[in-house]
Amino acid sequence: MGEKLTSLAQLRMAAEKSKELSAQVAAAAAEALEELEANAVTMDQVDAAISGAVGQIEAALAVV
């Protein structure tokens, strides 16, 4: 895109290409956000995992 845009037709083509590329970026961003949301861990899940680990440690210490 280093050439100088000189005609209205060239400007229209450049604008159309820009719209197409913007749509591709938006679609990729939406897909990435969906993937992040699908893999998100809640604080309740973290708390449950920690509580479970603490319970196992306490049980193991009680045996010793």
Protein backbone atom coordinates (compact mmCIF):
# COMPACT_ATOMS: atom_id res chain seq x y z
CA MET A 1 0.00 0.00 0.00
CA GLY A 2 3.01 2.24 -0.50
CA GLU A 3 1.69 3.67 -3.75
CA LYS A 4 0.03 7.06 -3.84
CA LEU A 5 -3.75 6.87 -4.08
CA THR A 6 -4.80 9.24 -6.82
CA SER A 7 -8.24 8.30 -8.06
CA LEU A 8 -11.62 8.00 -6.40
CA ALA A 9 -11.82 4.38 -7.55
CA GLN A 10 -8.52 3.63 -5.79
CA LEU A 11 -9.76 5.31 -2.63
CA ARG A 12 -12.97 3.28 -2.73
CA MET A 13 -11.03 0.05 -3.22
CA ALA A 14 -8.75 0.94 -0.31
CA ALA A 15 -11.75 1.73 1.91
CA GLU A 16 -13.42 -1.57 0.97
CA LYS A 17 -10.24 -3.53 1.70
CA SER A 18 -9.93 -1.72 5.02
CA LYS A 19 -13.51 -2.72 5.91
CA GLU A 20 -12.79 -6.34 4.99
CA LEU A 21 -9.64 -6.44 7.11
CA SER A 22 -11.41 -4.76 10.02
CA ALA A 23 -14.14 -7.41 9.86
CA GLN A 24 -11.52 -10.16 9.91
CA VAL A 25 -9.84 -8.64 12.96
CA ALA A 26 -13.18 -8.28 14.75
CA ALA A 27 -14.09 -11.90 14.01
CA ALA A 28 -10.72 -13.14 15.26
CA ALA A 29 -11.04 -11.05 18.43
CA ALA A 30 -14.55 -12.39 19.09
CA GLU A 31 -13.33 -15.95 18.60
CA ALA A 32 -10.42 -15.38 20.98
CA LEU A 33 -12.73 -13.93 23.63
CA GLU A 34 -15.07 -16.91 23.35
CA GLU A 35 -12.12 -19.25 23.81
CA LEU A 36 -10.91 -17.32 26.85
CA GLU A 37 -14.37 -17.36 28.41
CA ALA A 38 -14.66 -21.11 27.82
CA ASN A 39 -11.37 -21.69 29.65
CA ALA A 40 -11.92 -19.17 32.45
CA VAL A 41 -11.54 -20.39 36.02
CA THR A 42 -13.75 -18.84 38.66
CA MET A 43 -12.61 -17.94 42.16
CA ASP A 44 -15.06 -20.53 43.50
CA GLN A 45 -13.22 -23.20 41.52
CA VAL A 46 -9.87 -21.99 42.85
CA ASP A 47 -11.23 -21.94 46.41
CA ALA A 48 -12.62 -25.47 46.02
CA ALA A 49 -9.30 -26.76 44.71
CA ILE A 50 -7.38 -25.15 47.57
CA SER A 51 -9.85 -26.43 50.15
CA GLY A 52 -9.57 -29.93 48.70
CA ALA A 53 -5.79 -29.82 48.81
CA VAL A 54 -5.80 -28.54 52.40
CA GLY A 55 -8.21 -31.33 53.35
CA GLN A 56 -5.91 -33.95 51.83
CA ILE A 57 -2.87 -32.51 53.62
CA GLU A 58 -4.73 -32.43 56.94
CA ALA A 59 -5.86 -36.04 56.47
CA ALA A 60 -2.32 -37.14 55.64
CA LEU A 61 -0.94 -35.33 58.70
CA ALA A 62 -3.55 -36.94 60.93
CA VAL A 63 -2.27 -40.38 59.90
CA VAL A 64 1.34 -39.51 60.75
